[in-house]
């Protein structure tokens, strides 16, 4: 019996976006917020930055 947890990685059904596409969304988020992110927007920003960093 293994003592390490089994890890299952799910692959997204949607095709990955390019870094430029994600960057456009990040810029739009900052524009809509007026330069100040609330808690919900900050979470979205952090998700987008991770997606941007992983994008090709």
N, C-alpha and C. Protein backbone atom coordinates (compact mmCIF):
# COMPACT_ATOMS: atom_id res chain seq x y z
N UNK A 1 0.84 -1.19 0.00
CA UNK A 1 0.00 0.00 0.00
C UNK A 1 0.89 1.25 0.00
N UNK A 2 0.58 2.16 -0.88
CA UNK A 2 1.35 3.39 -1.01
C UNK A 2 0.94 4.40 0.06
N UNK A 3 1.93 5.14 0.53
CA UNK A 3 1.63 6.18 1.54
C UNK A 3 1.52 7.56 0.90
N UNK A 4 1.74 7.64 -0.41
CA UNK A 4 1.61 8.93 -1.10
C UNK A 4 0.25 9.02 -1.76
N UNK A 5 -0.34 10.21 -1.74
CA UNK A 5 -1.67 10.37 -2.33
C UNK A 5 -1.61 10.26 -3.85
N UNK A 6 -2.68 9.72 -4.41
CA UNK A 6 -2.80 9.69 -5.86
C UNK A 6 -3.24 11.07 -6.33
N UNK A 7 -2.58 11.58 -7.35
CA UNK A 7 -2.89 12.90 -7.87
C UNK A 7 -3.44 12.73 -9.27
N UNK A 8 -4.61 13.29 -9.49
CA UNK A 8 -5.22 13.22 -10.80
C UNK A 8 -5.28 14.64 -11.36
N UNK A 9 -4.65 14.85 -12.48
CA UNK A 9 -4.66 16.16 -13.12
C UNK A 9 -5.69 16.14 -14.23
N UNK A 10 -6.58 17.09 -14.21
CA UNK A 10 -7.59 17.19 -15.24
C UNK A 10 -7.14 18.16 -16.30
N UNK A 11 -7.36 17.80 -17.54
CA UNK A 11 -7.00 18.67 -18.65
C UNK A 11 -8.25 19.44 -19.06
N UNK A 12 -8.09 20.70 -19.27
CA UNK A 12 -9.21 21.55 -19.67
C UNK A 12 -9.71 21.15 -21.05
N UNK A 13 -11.00 21.22 -21.22
CA UNK A 13 -11.59 20.91 -22.52
C UNK A 13 -11.43 22.06 -23.51
N UNK A 14 -11.23 23.26 -22.98
CA UNK A 14 -11.08 24.41 -23.86
C UNK A 14 -9.62 24.56 -24.24
N UNK A 15 -9.36 24.98 -25.46
CA UNK A 15 -7.96 25.15 -25.87
C UNK A 15 -7.29 26.26 -25.07
N UNK A 16 -6.00 26.08 -24.83
CA UNK A 16 -5.24 27.09 -24.08
C UNK A 16 -5.17 28.38 -24.88
N UNK A 17 -5.22 29.49 -24.16
CA UNK A 17 -5.10 30.79 -24.81
C UNK A 17 -3.64 31.19 -24.87
N UNK A 18 -3.35 32.07 -25.80
CA UNK A 18 -1.98 32.59 -25.89
C UNK A 18 -1.76 33.59 -24.77
N UNK A 19 -0.47 33.86 -24.51
CA UNK A 19 -0.12 34.87 -23.50
C UNK A 19 -0.71 36.23 -23.88
N UNK A 20 -0.72 36.54 -25.16
CA UNK A 20 -1.26 37.83 -25.62
C UNK A 20 -2.75 37.92 -25.33
N UNK A 21 -3.48 36.84 -25.53
CA UNK A 21 -4.92 36.85 -25.25
C UNK A 21 -5.19 37.05 -23.77
N UNK A 22 -4.44 36.36 -22.94
CA UNK A 22 -4.62 36.50 -21.49
C UNK A 22 -4.21 37.90 -21.04
N UNK A 23 -3.13 38.41 -21.62
CA UNK A 23 -2.68 39.77 -21.28
C UNK A 23 -3.76 40.80 -21.63
N UNK A 24 -4.44 40.61 -22.75
CA UNK A 24 -5.54 41.51 -23.11
C UNK A 24 -6.62 41.50 -22.04
N UNK A 25 -6.93 40.31 -21.51
CA UNK A 25 -7.95 40.22 -20.47
C UNK A 25 -7.47 40.87 -19.17
N UNK A 26 -6.19 40.71 -18.85
CA UNK A 26 -5.64 41.36 -17.66
C UNK A 26 -5.73 42.87 -17.79
N UNK A 27 -5.37 43.40 -18.96
CA UNK A 27 -5.46 44.84 -19.19
C UNK A 27 -6.90 45.34 -19.08
N UNK A 28 -7.83 44.56 -19.62
CA UNK A 28 -9.24 44.94 -19.56
C UNK A 28 -9.74 44.95 -18.11
N UNK A 29 -9.29 43.99 -17.32
CA UNK A 29 -9.67 43.94 -15.90
C UNK A 29 -9.18 45.19 -15.18
N UNK A 30 -7.94 45.57 -15.40
CA UNK A 30 -7.40 46.78 -14.76
C UNK A 30 -8.14 48.03 -15.24
N UNK A 31 -8.47 48.08 -16.52
CA UNK A 31 -9.19 49.23 -17.06
C UNK A 31 -10.58 49.34 -16.41
N UNK A 32 -11.31 48.21 -16.37
CA UNK A 32 -12.66 48.21 -15.78
C UNK A 32 -12.63 48.59 -14.31
N UNK A 33 -11.57 48.22 -13.60
CA UNK A 33 -11.50 48.46 -12.16
C UNK A 33 -11.07 49.89 -11.83
N UNK A 34 -10.59 50.61 -12.82
CA UNK A 34 -10.10 51.95 -12.55
C UNK A 34 -8.76 51.95 -11.83
N UNK A 35 -8.06 50.82 -11.89
CA UNK A 35 -6.73 50.74 -11.29
C UNK A 35 -6.70 50.23 -9.87
N UNK A 36 -7.86 49.96 -9.29
CA UNK A 36 -7.93 49.43 -7.93
C UNK A 36 -8.80 48.18 -7.95
N UNK A 37 -8.21 47.04 -7.58
CA UNK A 37 -8.94 45.77 -7.61
C UNK A 37 -9.57 45.47 -6.26
N UNK A 38 -10.85 45.07 -6.29
CA UNK A 38 -11.49 44.60 -5.06
C UNK A 38 -11.09 43.13 -4.86
N UNK A 39 -11.58 42.50 -3.82
CA UNK A 39 -11.19 41.13 -3.48
C UNK A 39 -11.51 40.16 -4.61
N UNK A 40 -12.68 40.27 -5.18
CA UNK A 40 -13.08 39.37 -6.27
C UNK A 40 -12.21 39.60 -7.51
N UNK A 41 -11.97 40.85 -7.83
CA UNK A 41 -11.13 41.17 -8.98
C UNK A 41 -9.68 40.73 -8.75
N UNK A 42 -9.19 40.84 -7.52
CA UNK A 42 -7.84 40.39 -7.20
C UNK A 42 -7.71 38.89 -7.43
N UNK A 43 -8.71 38.13 -7.05
CA UNK A 43 -8.69 36.68 -7.27
C UNK A 43 -8.66 36.37 -8.77
N UNK A 44 -9.46 37.09 -9.53
CA UNK A 44 -9.47 36.91 -10.98
C UNK A 44 -8.11 37.29 -11.58
N UNK A 45 -7.53 38.37 -11.11
CA UNK A 45 -6.22 38.80 -11.58
C UNK A 45 -5.16 37.73 -11.30
N UNK A 46 -5.17 37.19 -10.11
CA UNK A 46 -4.20 36.16 -9.76
C UNK A 46 -4.36 34.93 -10.63
N UNK A 47 -5.60 34.53 -10.91
CA UNK A 47 -5.86 33.39 -11.80
C UNK A 47 -5.33 33.68 -13.20
N UNK A 48 -5.58 34.90 -13.68
CA UNK A 48 -5.13 35.28 -15.02
C UNK A 48 -3.61 35.32 -15.11
N UNK A 49 -2.96 35.81 -14.06
CA UNK A 49 -1.48 35.86 -14.09
C UNK A 49 -0.91 34.45 -14.15
N UNK A 50 -1.49 33.51 -13.42
CA UNK A 50 -1.02 32.13 -13.49
C UNK A 50 -1.25 31.55 -14.90
N UNK A 51 -2.41 31.86 -15.48
CA UNK A 51 -2.69 31.39 -16.83
C UNK A 51 -1.70 32.02 -17.81
N UNK A 52 -1.44 33.31 -17.65
CA UNK A 52 -0.51 34.02 -18.52
C UNK A 52 0.90 33.40 -18.44
N UNK A 53 1.33 33.09 -17.22
CA UNK A 53 2.66 32.53 -17.02
C UNK A 53 2.80 31.15 -17.66
N UNK A 54 1.69 30.40 -17.72
CA UNK A 54 1.71 29.07 -18.30
C UNK A 54 1.46 29.07 -19.81
N UNK A 55 1.01 30.20 -20.32
CA UNK A 55 0.65 30.28 -21.75
C UNK A 55 1.89 30.23 -22.63
N UNK A 56 1.65 29.82 -23.85
CA UNK A 56 2.76 29.76 -24.83
C UNK A 56 2.76 30.98 -25.70
